Amino acid sequence: MVNIIVMRLLRAATVFFVVTLVTFAIVYAKPAAIARNVVGISATDAAVQAEVTELGLDRPLLEQYTHWLAGLFRGDLGQSFFTGQPVLSTLGIRFPVTLALMLLSLVLTVFLSVLIGVASAVRGGWPDRLLQILSVIGGAVPSFIMAIGLVFAFAIAIPLFPATGYVSPDVSLGDWAASVTLPVVAILVGSVASAAAQFRGTVKEVLERDFVRTLRARGIPERAIVYRHVLRNAGGPGLTVLSLLTIGLLGGVVIIEQVFALPGMGALVAGAASQGDVPVVMGCVAVTVVLVSIVNLLTDLLNAALNPKARAS
């Protein structure tokens, strides 16, 4: 298990350096354009060049990246070109909103997809056919279209939930729950349909293996077979599906935050990208890569705990 952790950490570090370096090279490729965004389109070339020097954009690209990386390890991601606020403090305000939305969506997706997938695989019949229909519909309808439909249905036509805005749980737990209900439901429709269909296929494949038929021949109850043996064997592929789903959820959450005007990383990334606020963009990229690496590491560790072959490999 220690070897698995060390190897996965080395792989995560490699991915982090590669992704951040490539992103850094892309966003800092045109220093004059960055400086012009800061000083304004009508600024003179001399003012733009002075801003390039002021921001340190005239230094070699690798030197700039090394300086940014050293600051990252010190807990300093620089300052926004437009607000002057430290990037780390800005992320500290925005990231908890996105993380709460992701975790809530992920927990509900895992619970519902496992429940629906197992029921569909074991029972068959109309639950199985209904899941297949819903998986097609859920995969075909984009999350932002679903979000708009939910707003019209449950915030305008029937005003049960707020259409936009966010309330911190520190202020009011009930208002917080109301503000995240529609965003979470909009995410769940597609994620549960996809994950449940994938989990149903995995469980169905395990149910057809020889050891399951042997257990049934020995008179072991079906429920014990499913919960003690089938779910354990389906856990590895299921974890892989859920890890990919978690990464996909991050992109979906960013879009949903825009629809519901939630003050998370979605609005931050969109605003920084449109303004050319590259320190904020790099901070968001760094946080995203770290989050994805943590998800992959936890998936590998859980898979190794469930599957001895994974530990051996």
C-alpha atoms as a PDB file:
ATOM      1  CA  MET A   1       0.000   0.000   0.000  1.00  0.00           C
ATOM      2  CA  VAL A   2       2.891   2.367   0.756  1.00  0.00           C
ATOM      3  CA  ASN A   3       4.338   1.737  -2.705  1.00  0.00           C
ATOM      4  CA  ILE A   4       0.971   2.553  -4.252  1.00  0.00           C
ATOM      5  CA  ILE A   5       0.782   5.844  -2.370  1.00  0.00           C
ATOM      6  CA  VAL A   6       4.350   6.837  -3.328  1.00  0.00           C
ATOM      7  CA  MET A   7       3.870   5.985  -7.005  1.00  0.00           C
ATOM      8  CA  ARG A   8       0.527   7.794  -7.200  1.00  0.00           C
ATOM      9  CA  LEU A   9       1.975  10.867  -5.496  1.00  0.00           C
ATOM     10  CA  LEU A  10       4.867  10.937  -7.965  1.00  0.00           C
ATOM     11  CA  ARG A  11       2.429  10.610 -10.848  1.00  0.00           C
ATOM     12  CA  ALA A  12       0.233  13.376  -9.418  1.00  0.00           C
ATOM     13  CA  ALA A  13       3.259  15.662  -9.008  1.00  0.00           C
ATOM     14  CA  THR A  14       4.306  15.014 -12.613  1.00  0.00           C
ATOM     15  CA  VAL A  15       0.824  15.779 -13.899  1.00  0.00           C
ATOM     16  CA  PHE A  16       0.702  18.943 -11.804  1.00  0.00           C
ATOM     17  CA  PHE A  17       4.019  20.273 -13.149  1.00  0.00           C
ATOM     18  CA  VAL A  18       3.142  19.439 -16.758  1.00  0.00           C
ATOM     19  CA  VAL A  19      -0.366  20.929 -16.660  1.00  0.00           C
ATOM     20  CA  THR A  20       0.634  24.107 -14.826  1.00  0.00           C
ATOM     21  CA  LEU A  21       3.703  24.636 -17.031  1.00  0.00           C
ATOM     22  CA  VAL A  22       1.723  24.225 -20.253  1.00  0.00           C
ATOM     23  CA  THR A  23      -1.053  26.484 -18.956  1.00  0.00           C
ATOM     24  CA  PHE A  24       1.488  29.059 -17.797  1.00  0.00           C
ATOM     25  CA  ALA A  25       3.141  29.056 -21.221  1.00  0.00           C
ATOM     26  CA  ILE A  26      -0.226  29.570 -22.919  1.00  0.00           C
ATOM     27  CA  VAL A  27      -1.600  32.357 -20.730  1.00  0.00           C
ATOM     28  CA  TYR A  28       1.706  34.248 -20.509  1.00  0.00           C
ATOM     29  CA  ALA A  29       2.592  33.807 -24.186  1.00  0.00           C
ATOM     30  CA  LYS A  30       1.704  37.415 -25.098  1.00  0.00           C
ATOM     31  CA  PRO A  31       2.910  39.767 -22.345  1.00  0.00           C
ATOM     32  CA  ALA A  32       1.971  42.894 -24.307  1.00  0.00           C
ATOM     33  CA  ALA A  33      -1.653  41.729 -24.600  1.00  0.00           C
ATOM     34  CA  ILE A  34      -1.772  41.033 -20.858  1.00  0.00           C
ATOM     35  CA  ALA A  35      -0.375  44.480 -20.037  1.00  0.00           C
ATOM     36  CA  ARG A  36      -2.819  46.156 -22.413  1.00  0.00           C
ATOM     37  CA  ASN A  37      -5.739  44.451 -20.662  1.00  0.00           C
ATOM     38  CA  VAL A  38      -4.500  45.892 -17.388  1.00  0.00           C
ATOM     39  CA  VAL A  39      -3.805  49.484 -18.477  1.00  0.00           C
ATOM     40  CA  GLY A  40      -6.662  49.686 -21.011  1.00  0.00           C
ATOM     41  CA  ILE A  41      -7.085  49.387 -24.744  1.00  0.00           C
ATOM     42  CA  SER A  42      -6.520  53.102 -25.347  1.00  0.00           C
ATOM     43  CA  ALA A  43      -3.136  53.116 -23.562  1.00  0.00           C
ATOM     44  CA  THR A  44      -0.039  54.087 -25.514  1.00  0.00           C
ATOM     45  CA  ASP A  45       2.610  51.564 -26.476  1.00  0.00           C
ATOM     46  CA  ALA A  46       5.005  53.181 -23.994  1.00  0.00           C
ATOM     47  CA  ALA A  47       2.493  52.707 -21.164  1.00  0.00           C
ATOM     48  CA  VAL A  48       1.960  49.108 -22.191  1.00  0.00           C
ATOM     49  CA  GLN A  49       5.694  48.441 -22.244  1.00  0.00           C
ATOM     50  CA  ALA A  50       6.098  50.070 -18.835  1.00  0.00           C
ATOM     51  CA  GLU A  51       3.361  47.808 -17.463  1.00  0.00           C
ATOM     52  CA  VAL A  52       5.077  44.757 -18.968  1.00  0.00           C
ATOM     53  CA  THR A  53       8.209  45.677 -17.034  1.00  0.00           C
ATOM     54  CA  GLU A  54       6.230  46.485 -13.878  1.00  0.00           C
ATOM     55  CA  LEU A  55       4.524  43.073 -13.918  1.00  0.00           C
ATOM     56  CA  GLY A  56       7.785  41.278 -14.658  1.00  0.00           C
ATOM     57  CA  LEU A  57       6.467  39.893 -17.928  1.00  0.00           C
ATOM     58  CA  ASP A  58       9.664  40.783 -19.771  1.00  0.00           C
ATOM     59  CA  ARG A  59      11.602  38.071 -17.939  1.00  0.00           C
ATOM     60  CA  PRO A  60      12.168  34.630 -19.520  1.00  0.00           C
ATOM     61  CA  LEU A  61       9.075  32.441 -19.331  1.00  0.00           C
ATOM     62  CA  LEU A  62      10.781  29.637 -17.399  1.00  0.00           C
ATOM     63  CA  GLU A  63      12.029  32.136 -14.830  1.00  0.00           C
ATOM     64  CA  GLN A  64       8.500  33.488 -14.387  1.00  0.00           C
ATOM     65  CA  TYR A  65       7.128  29.963 -13.939  1.00  0.00           C
ATOM     66  CA  THR A  66       9.820  29.092 -11.397  1.00  0.00           C
ATOM     67  CA  HIS A  67       8.984  32.263  -9.462  1.00  0.00           C
ATOM     68  CA  TRP A  68       5.257  31.393  -9.533  1.00  0.00           C
ATOM     69  CA  LEU A  69       5.976  27.825  -8.433  1.00  0.00           C
ATOM     70  CA  ALA A  70       8.162  28.987  -5.554  1.00  0.00           C
ATOM     71  CA  GLY A  71       5.395  31.316  -4.445  1.00  0.00           C
ATOM     72  CA  LEU A  72       2.911  28.447  -4.619  1.00  0.00           C
ATOM     73  CA  PHE A  73       4.970  26.386  -2.185  1.00  0.00           C
ATOM     74  CA  ARG A  74       5.114  29.397   0.132  1.00  0.00           C
ATOM     75  CA  GLY A  75       1.343  29.786  -0.045  1.00  0.00           C
ATOM     76  CA  ASP A  76       1.554  32.857  -2.269  1.00  0.00           C
ATOM     77  CA  LEU A  77      -0.161  32.717  -5.676  1.00  0.00           C
ATOM     78  CA  GLY A  78       0.415  36.370  -6.422  1.00  0.00           C
ATOM     79  CA  GLN A  79      -2.120  39.170  -6.694  1.00  0.00           C
ATOM     80  CA  SER A  80      -4.902  39.896  -9.110  1.00  0.00           C
ATOM     81  CA  PHE A  81      -3.904  42.315 -11.871  1.00  0.00           C
ATOM     82  CA  PHE A  82      -7.220  44.162 -11.523  1.00  0.00           C
ATOM     83  CA  THR A  83      -8.305  44.035  -7.883  1.00  0.00           C
ATOM     84  CA  GLY A  84      -4.898  43.816  -6.249  1.00  0.00           C
ATOM     85  CA  GLN A  85      -6.244  41.176  -3.879  1.00  0.00           C
ATOM     86  CA  PRO A  86      -4.137  38.086  -3.113  1.00  0.00           C
ATOM     87  CA  VAL A  87      -5.223  35.198  -5.319  1.00  0.00           C
ATOM     88  CA  LEU A  88      -5.081  32.744  -2.419  1.00  0.00           C
ATOM     89  CA  SER A  89      -7.548  34.758  -0.318  1.00  0.00           C
ATOM     90  CA  THR A  90      -9.878  35.106  -3.310  1.00  0.00           C
ATOM     91  CA  LEU A  91      -9.806  31.352  -3.837  1.00  0.00           C
ATOM     92  CA  GLY A  92     -10.370  30.847  -0.123  1.00  0.00           C
ATOM     93  CA  ILE A  93     -13.666  32.711  -0.453  1.00  0.00           C
ATOM     94  CA  ARG A  94     -14.842  31.155  -3.727  1.00  0.00           C
ATOM     95  CA  PHE A  95     -13.602  27.566  -3.485  1.00  0.00           C
ATOM     96  CA  PRO A  96     -15.734  26.500  -0.465  1.00  0.00           C
ATOM     97  CA  VAL A  97     -18.896  27.293  -2.451  1.00  0.00           C
ATOM     98  CA  THR A  98     -17.805  25.099  -5.336  1.00  0.00           C
ATOM     99  CA  LEU A  99     -16.514  22.369  -3.030  1.00  0.00           C
ATOM    100  CA  ALA A 100     -19.771  22.239  -1.054  1.00  0.00           C
ATOM    101  CA  LEU A 101     -21.779  21.963  -4.265  1.00  0.00           C
ATOM    102  CA  MET A 102     -19.487  19.232  -5.567  1.00  0.00           C
ATOM    103  CA  LEU A 103     -19.462  17.184  -2.372  1.00  0.00           C
ATOM    104  CA  LEU A 104     -23.226  17.376  -1.951  1.00  0.00           C
ATOM    105  CA  SER A 105     -23.767  16.364  -5.579  1.00  0.00           C
ATOM    106  CA  LEU A 106     -21.196  13.578  -5.341  1.00  0.00           C
ATOM    107  CA  VAL A 107     -22.603  12.035  -2.147  1.00  0.00           C
ATOM    108  CA  LEU A 108     -26.126  12.024  -3.535  1.00  0.00           C
ATOM    109  CA  THR A 109     -24.916  10.703  -6.892  1.00  0.00           C
ATOM    110  CA  VAL A 110     -23.065   7.808  -5.253  1.00  0.00           C
ATOM    111  CA  PHE A 111     -26.027   6.884  -3.052  1.00  0.00           C
ATOM    112  CA  LEU A 112     -28.672   7.130  -5.767  1.00  0.00           C
ATOM    113  CA  SER A 113     -26.627   5.576  -8.579  1.00  0.00           C
ATOM    114  CA  VAL A 114     -25.629   2.548  -6.474  1.00  0.00           C
ATOM    115  CA  LEU A 115     -29.200   2.100  -5.236  1.00  0.00           C
ATOM    116  CA  ILE A 116     -30.774   2.439  -8.688  1.00  0.00           C
ATOM    117  CA  GLY A 117     -28.026   0.516 -10.503  1.00  0.00           C
ATOM    118  CA  VAL A 118     -28.168  -2.476  -8.167  1.00  0.00           C
ATOM    119  CA  ALA A 119     -31.978  -2.559  -8.193  1.00  0.00           C
ATOM    120  CA  SER A 120     -32.020  -2.407 -11.981  1.00  0.00           C
ATOM    121  CA  ALA A 121     -29.412  -5.154 -12.394  1.00  0.00           C
ATOM    122  CA  VAL A 122     -30.936  -7.493  -9.806  1.00  0.00           C
ATOM    123  CA  ARG A 123     -34.631  -7.029 -10.530  1.00  0.00           C
ATOM    124  CA  GLY A 124     -34.538  -6.445 -14.291  1.00  0.00           C
ATOM    125  CA  GLY A 125     -37.919  -5.909 -15.947  1.00  0.00           C
ATOM    126  CA  TRP A 126     -39.446  -2.449 -15.973  1.00  0.00           C
ATOM    127  CA  PRO A 127     -36.919  -0.864 -13.536  1.00  0.00           C
ATOM    128  CA  ASP A 128     -34.140  -1.873 -15.898  1.00  0.00           C
ATOM    129  CA  ARG A 129     -35.937  -0.518 -18.967  1.00  0.00           C
ATOM    130  CA  LEU A 130     -36.846   2.698 -17.137  1.00  0.00           C
ATOM    131  CA  LEU A 131     -33.213   3.262 -16.127  1.00  0.00           C
ATOM    132  CA  GLN A 132     -32.029   2.811 -19.699  1.00  0.00           C
ATOM    133  CA  ILE A 133     -34.587   5.350 -20.936  1.00  0.00           C
ATOM    134  CA  LEU A 134     -33.690   7.839 -18.209  1.00  0.00           C
ATOM    135  CA  SER A 135     -29.959   7.410 -18.864  1.00  0.00           C
ATOM    136  CA  VAL A 136     -30.488   8.367 -22.507  1.00  0.00           C
ATOM    137  CA  ILE A 137     -32.596  11.389 -21.571  1.00  0.00           C
ATOM    138  CA  GLY A 138     -30.242  12.463 -18.783  1.00  0.00           C
ATOM    139  CA  GLY A 139     -27.226  12.211 -21.068  1.00  0.00           C
ATOM    140  CA  ALA A 140     -28.930  14.067 -23.909  1.00  0.00           C
ATOM    141  CA  VAL A 141     -30.137  17.101 -21.929  1.00  0.00           C
ATOM    142  CA  PRO A 142     -27.289  19.477 -20.962  1.00  0.00           C
ATOM    143  CA  SER A 143     -27.132  20.454 -17.316  1.00  0.00           C
ATOM    144  CA  PHE A 144     -27.605  24.164 -18.027  1.00  0.00           C
ATOM    145  CA  ILE A 145     -30.808  23.425 -19.976  1.00  0.00           C
ATOM    146  CA  MET A 146     -32.021  21.350 -17.041  1.00  0.00           C
ATOM    147  CA  ALA A 147     -31.082  24.203 -14.708  1.00  0.00           C
ATOM    148  CA  ILE A 148     -33.079  26.740 -16.708  1.00  0.00           C
ATOM    149  CA  GLY A 149     -36.083  24.397 -16.745  1.00  0.00           C
ATOM    150  CA  LEU A 150     -35.875  23.941 -12.983  1.00  0.00           C
ATOM    151  CA  VAL A 151     -35.750  27.707 -12.460  1.00  0.00           C
ATOM    152  CA  PHE A 152     -38.883  28.229 -14.538  1.00  0.00           C
ATOM    153  CA  ALA A 153     -40.687  25.347 -12.824  1.00  0.00           C
ATOM    154  CA  PHE A 154     -39.701  25.726  -9.166  1.00  0.00           C
ATOM    155  CA  ALA A 155     -38.561  29.334  -8.819  1.00  0.00           C
ATOM    156  CA  ILE A 156     -40.915  31.233 -11.135  1.00  0.00           C
ATOM    157  CA  ALA A 157     -44.034  29.157 -11.805  1.00  0.00           C
ATOM    158  CA  ILE A 158     -44.008  27.601  -8.336  1.00  0.00           C
ATOM    159  CA  PRO A 159     -41.785  29.827  -6.142  1.00  0.00           C
ATOM    160  CA  LEU A 160     -40.430  27.170  -3.820  1.00  0.00           C
ATOM    161  CA  PHE A 161     -36.719  27.963  -4.195  1.00  0.00           C
ATOM    162  CA  PRO A 162     -34.707  31.081  -5.079  1.00  0.00           C
ATOM    163  CA  ALA A 163     -33.825  31.426  -8.750  1.00  0.00           C
ATOM    164  CA  THR A 164     -30.357  32.853  -8.099  1.00  0.00           C
ATOM    165  CA  GLY A 165     -28.071  33.762  -5.251  1.00  0.00           C
ATOM    166  CA  TYR A 166     -26.282  32.009  -2.446  1.00  0.00           C
ATOM    167  CA  VAL A 167     -26.608  32.089   1.330  1.00  0.00           C
ATOM    168  CA  SER A 168     -23.723  30.899   3.483  1.00  0.00           C
ATOM    169  CA  PRO A 169     -24.554  28.106   5.942  1.00  0.00           C
ATOM    170  CA  ASP A 170     -23.024  30.301   8.640  1.00  0.00           C
ATOM    171  CA  VAL A 171     -25.828  32.802   8.084  1.00  0.00           C
ATOM    172  CA  SER A 172     -28.764  30.402   7.796  1.00  0.00           C
ATOM    173  CA  LEU A 173     -28.606  26.649   7.244  1.00  0.00           C
ATOM    174  CA  GLY A 174     -32.161  26.534   5.909  1.00  0.00           C
ATOM    175  CA  ASP A 175     -31.586  29.361   3.419  1.00  0.00           C
ATOM    176  CA  TRP A 176     -28.324  27.718   2.359  1.00  0.00           C
ATOM    177  CA  ALA A 177     -30.137  24.442   1.673  1.00  0.00           C
ATOM    178  CA  ALA A 178     -32.766  26.306  -0.359  1.00  0.00           C
ATOM    179  CA  SER A 179     -30.117  28.155  -2.391  1.00  0.00           C
ATOM    180  CA  VAL A 180     -28.266  24.970  -3.403  1.00  0.00           C
ATOM    181  CA  THR A 181     -31.269  22.674  -3.969  1.00  0.00           C
ATOM    182  CA  LEU A 182     -31.956  23.563  -7.596  1.00  0.00           C
ATOM    183  CA  PRO A 183     -28.253  23.630  -8.597  1.00  0.00           C
ATOM    184  CA  VAL A 184     -27.712  20.203  -7.021  1.00  0.00           C
ATOM    185  CA  VAL A 185     -30.815  18.735  -8.691  1.00  0.00           C
ATOM    186  CA  ALA A 186     -29.693  20.112 -12.060  1.00  0.00           C
ATOM    187  CA  ILE A 187     -26.352  18.346 -11.635  1.00  0.00           C
ATOM    188  CA  LEU A 188     -27.892  15.119 -10.297  1.00  0.00           C
ATOM    189  CA  VAL A 189     -30.191  14.503 -13.261  1.00  0.00           C
ATOM    190  CA  GLY A 190     -27.343  13.827 -15.654  1.00  0.00           C
ATOM    191  CA  SER A 191     -24.798  12.426 -13.209  1.00  0.00           C
ATOM    192  CA  VAL A 192     -27.131   9.895 -11.573  1.00  0.00           C
ATOM    193  CA  ALA A 193     -28.502   8.705 -14.904  1.00  0.00           C
ATOM    194  CA  SER A 194     -24.994   8.139 -16.267  1.00  0.00           C
ATOM    195  CA  ALA A 195     -23.471   6.612 -13.123  1.00  0.00           C
ATOM    196  CA  ALA A 196     -26.470   4.355 -12.424  1.00  0.00           C
ATOM    197  CA  ALA A 197     -26.368   2.990 -15.968  1.00  0.00           C
ATOM    198  CA  GLN A 198     -22.630   2.296 -15.694  1.00  0.00           C
ATOM    199  CA  PHE A 199     -23.005   0.692 -12.273  1.00  0.00           C
ATOM    200  CA  ARG A 200     -25.938  -1.396 -13.484  1.00  0.00           C
ATOM    201  CA  GLY A 201     -23.780  -2.796 -16.282  1.00  0.00           C
ATOM    202  CA  THR A 202     -20.952  -3.622 -13.880  1.00  0.00           C
ATOM    203  CA  VAL A 203     -23.227  -5.358 -11.370  1.00  0.00           C
ATOM    204  CA  LYS A 204     -24.996  -7.271 -14.134  1.00  0.00           C
ATOM    205  CA  GLU A 205     -21.655  -8.509 -15.457  1.00  0.00           C
ATOM    206  CA  VAL A 206     -20.601  -9.718 -11.984  1.00  0.00           C
ATOM    207  CA  LEU A 207     -23.941 -11.458 -11.473  1.00  0.00           C
ATOM    208  CA  GLU A 208     -23.214 -13.606 -14.538  1.00  0.00           C
ATOM    209  CA  ARG A 209     -19.890 -14.926 -13.240  1.00  0.00           C
ATOM    210  CA  ASP A 210     -19.370 -18.545 -12.235  1.00  0.00           C
ATOM    211  CA  PHE A 211     -18.784 -17.873  -8.529  1.00  0.00           C
ATOM    212  CA  VAL A 212     -22.228 -16.268  -8.244  1.00  0.00           C
ATOM    213  CA  ARG A 213     -23.880 -19.334  -9.719  1.00  0.00           C
ATOM    214  CA  THR A 214     -21.899 -21.474  -7.288  1.00  0.00           C
ATOM    215  CA  LEU A 215     -23.058 -19.381  -4.331  1.00  0.00           C
ATOM    216  CA  ARG A 216     -26.647 -19.680  -5.490  1.00  0.00           C
ATOM    217  CA  ALA A 217     -26.283 -23.442  -5.873  1.00  0.00           C
ATOM    218  CA  ARG A 218     -25.118 -23.601  -2.241  1.00  0.00           C
ATOM    219  CA  GLY A 219     -28.376 -22.004  -1.164  1.00  0.00           C
ATOM    220  CA  ILE A 220     -26.966 -18.653  -0.049  1.00  0.00           C
ATOM    221  CA  PRO A 221     -29.702 -15.973  -0.040  1.00  0.00           C
ATOM    222  CA  GLU A 222     -29.685 -13.601  -2.997  1.00  0.00           C
ATOM    223  CA  ARG A 223     -29.426 -10.548  -0.786  1.00  0.00           C
ATOM    224  CA  ALA A 224     -26.300 -11.896   0.913  1.00  0.00           C
ATOM    225  CA  ILE A 225     -24.753 -12.695  -2.463  1.00  0.00           C
ATOM    226  CA  VAL A 226     -25.387  -9.171  -3.717  1.00  0.00           C
ATOM    227  CA  TYR A 227     -24.225  -7.268  -0.637  1.00  0.00           C
ATOM    228  CA  ARG A 228     -21.299  -9.484   0.426  1.00  0.00           C
ATOM    229  CA  HIS A 229     -19.848 -10.622  -2.888  1.00  0.00           C
ATOM    230  CA  VAL A 230     -21.263  -8.830  -5.941  1.00  0.00           C
ATOM    231  CA  LEU A 231     -20.856  -5.281  -4.646  1.00  0.00           C
ATOM    232  CA  ARG A 232     -17.292  -5.979  -3.533  1.00  0.00           C
ATOM    233  CA  ASN A 233     -16.335  -7.267  -6.975  1.00  0.00           C
ATOM    234  CA  ALA A 234     -18.171  -4.433  -8.701  1.00  0.00           C
ATOM    235  CA  GLY A 235     -16.546  -1.858  -6.425  1.00  0.00           C
ATOM    236  CA  GLY A 236     -13.342  -1.443  -8.467  1.00  0.00           C
ATOM    237  CA  PRO A 237     -14.965  -0.602 -11.819  1.00  0.00           C
ATOM    238  CA  GLY A 238     -17.609   1.399  -9.978  1.00  0.00           C
ATOM    239  CA  LEU A 239     -14.943   3.514  -8.273  1.00  0.00           C
ATOM    240  CA  THR A 240     -13.323   4.214 -11.635  1.00  0.00           C
ATOM    241  CA  VAL A 241     -16.645   5.407 -13.014  1.00  0.00           C
ATOM    242  CA  LEU A 242     -17.244   7.601  -9.973  1.00  0.00           C
ATOM    243  CA  SER A 243     -13.758   9.116 -10.154  1.00  0.00           C
ATOM    244  CA  LEU A 244     -14.333  10.110 -13.778  1.00  0.00           C
ATOM    245  CA  LEU A 245     -17.757  11.401 -12.806  1.00  0.00           C
ATOM    246  CA  THR A 246     -16.212  13.519 -10.036  1.00  0.00           C
ATOM    247  CA  ILE A 247     -13.855  15.149 -12.512  1.00  0.00           C
ATOM    248  CA  GLY A 248     -16.771  15.751 -14.846  1.00  0.00           C
ATOM    249  CA  LEU A 249     -18.791  17.212 -11.979  1.00  0.00           C
ATOM    250  CA  LEU A 250     -16.174  19.923 -11.542  1.00  0.00           C
ATOM    251  CA  GLY A 251     -16.832  21.193 -15.056  1.00  0.00           C
ATOM    252  CA  GLY A 252     -20.581  20.867 -14.603  1.00  0.00           C
ATOM    253  CA  VAL A 253     -20.533  22.776 -11.336  1.00  0.00           C
ATOM    254  CA  VAL A 254     -18.675  25.660 -12.976  1.00  0.00           C
ATOM    255  CA  ILE A 255     -21.464  25.976 -15.570  1.00  0.00           C
ATOM    256  CA  ILE A 256     -24.269  25.576 -13.047  1.00  0.00           C
ATOM    257  CA  GLU A 257     -22.762  28.307 -10.886  1.00  0.00           C
ATOM    258  CA  GLN A 258     -23.072  30.684 -13.824  1.00  0.00           C
ATOM    259  CA  VAL A 259     -26.766  29.867 -14.313  1.00  0.00           C
ATOM    260  CA  PHE A 260     -27.668  30.330 -10.638  1.00  0.00           C
ATOM    261  CA  ALA A 261     -25.244  33.225  -9.989  1.00  0.00           C
ATOM    262  CA  LEU A 262     -23.425  31.354  -7.240  1.00  0.00           C
ATOM    263  CA  PRO A 263     -20.220  33.031  -5.987  1.00  0.00           C
ATOM    264  CA  GLY A 264     -17.996  30.029  -6.644  1.00  0.00           C
ATOM    265  CA  MET A 265     -15.026  29.314  -8.852  1.00  0.00           C
ATOM    266  CA  GLY A 266     -17.201  29.288 -11.972  1.00  0.00           C
ATOM    267  CA  ALA A 267     -17.827  33.016 -11.886  1.00  0.00           C
ATOM    268  CA  LEU A 268     -14.228  33.613 -10.804  1.00  0.00           C
ATOM    269  CA  VAL A 269     -12.739  31.664 -13.711  1.00  0.00           C
ATOM    270  CA  ALA A 270     -15.121  33.210 -16.244  1.00  0.00           C
ATOM    271  CA  GLY A 271     -14.404  36.739 -15.064  1.00  0.00           C
ATOM    272  CA  ALA A 272     -10.645  36.230 -14.860  1.00  0.00           C
ATOM    273  CA  ALA A 273     -10.486  34.658 -18.321  1.00  0.00           C
ATOM    274  CA  SER A 274     -12.514  37.453 -19.926  1.00  0.00           C
ATOM    275  CA  GLN A 275     -10.415  40.157 -18.236  1.00  0.00           C
ATOM    276  CA  GLY A 276      -7.093  38.447 -18.802  1.00  0.00           C
ATOM    277  CA  ASP A 277      -6.386  38.231 -15.075  1.00  0.00           C
ATOM    278  CA  VAL A 278      -3.797  35.481 -15.488  1.00  0.00           C
ATOM    279  CA  PRO A 279      -2.701  35.122 -11.832  1.00  0.00           C
ATOM    280  CA  VAL A 280      -6.291  34.246 -10.922  1.00  0.00           C
ATOM    281  CA  VAL A 281      -6.545  31.858 -13.881  1.00  0.00           C
ATOM    282  CA  MET A 282      -3.344  30.100 -12.814  1.00  0.00           C
ATOM    283  CA  GLY A 283      -4.593  29.866  -9.231  1.00  0.00           C
ATOM    284  CA  CYS A 284      -7.824  28.220 -10.402  1.00  0.00           C
ATOM    285  CA  VAL A 285      -5.872  25.801 -12.600  1.00  0.00           C
ATOM    286  CA  ALA A 286      -3.595  24.850  -9.700  1.00  0.00           C
ATOM    287  CA  VAL A 287      -6.544  24.207  -7.366  1.00  0.00           C
ATOM    288  CA  THR A 288      -8.324  22.152 -10.032  1.00  0.00           C
ATOM    289  CA  VAL A 289      -5.284  19.959 -10.741  1.00  0.00           C
ATOM    290  CA  VAL A 290      -4.741  19.347  -7.024  1.00  0.00           C
ATOM    291  CA  LEU A 291      -8.405  18.430  -6.561  1.00  0.00           C
ATOM    292  CA  VAL A 292      -8.347  16.010  -9.499  1.00  0.00           C
ATOM    293  CA  SER A 293      -5.117  14.450  -8.215  1.00  0.00           C
ATOM    294  CA  ILE A 294      -6.652  13.909  -4.766  1.00  0.00           C
ATOM    295  CA  VAL A 295      -9.698  12.243  -6.322  1.00  0.00           C
ATOM    296  CA  ASN A 296      -7.515   9.927  -8.412  1.00  0.00           C
ATOM    297  CA  LEU A 297      -5.341   9.061  -5.412  1.00  0.00           C
ATOM    298  CA  LEU A 298      -8.338   8.209  -3.221  1.00  0.00           C
ATOM    299  CA  THR A 299      -9.824   6.118  -6.038  1.00  0.00           C
ATOM    300  CA  ASP A 300      -6.609   4.125  -6.428  1.00  0.00           C
ATOM    301  CA  LEU A 301      -6.341   3.545  -2.675  1.00  0.00           C
ATOM    302  CA  LEU A 302      -9.949   2.397  -2.356  1.00  0.00           C
ATOM    303  CA  ASN A 303      -9.565   0.182  -5.408  1.00  0.00           C
ATOM    304  CA  ALA A 304      -6.430  -1.367  -3.900  1.00  0.00           C
ATOM    305  CA  ALA A 305      -8.262  -1.973  -0.632  1.00  0.00           C
ATOM    306  CA  LEU A 306     -11.096  -3.771  -2.457  1.00  0.00           C
ATOM    307  CA  ASN A 307      -9.049  -5.603  -5.065  1.00  0.00           C
ATOM    308  CA  PRO A 308      -5.919  -7.611  -4.091  1.00  0.00           C
ATOM    309  CA  LYS A 309      -4.897  -7.782  -7.773  1.00  0.00           C
ATOM    310  CA  ALA A 310      -4.622  -3.993  -7.825  1.00  0.00           C
ATOM    311  CA  ARG A 311      -2.293  -4.081  -4.839  1.00  0.00           C
ATOM    312  CA  ALA A 312      -0.163  -6.765  -6.505  1.00  0.00           C
ATOM    313  CA  SER A 313       0.090  -4.800  -9.737  1.00  0.00           C
END
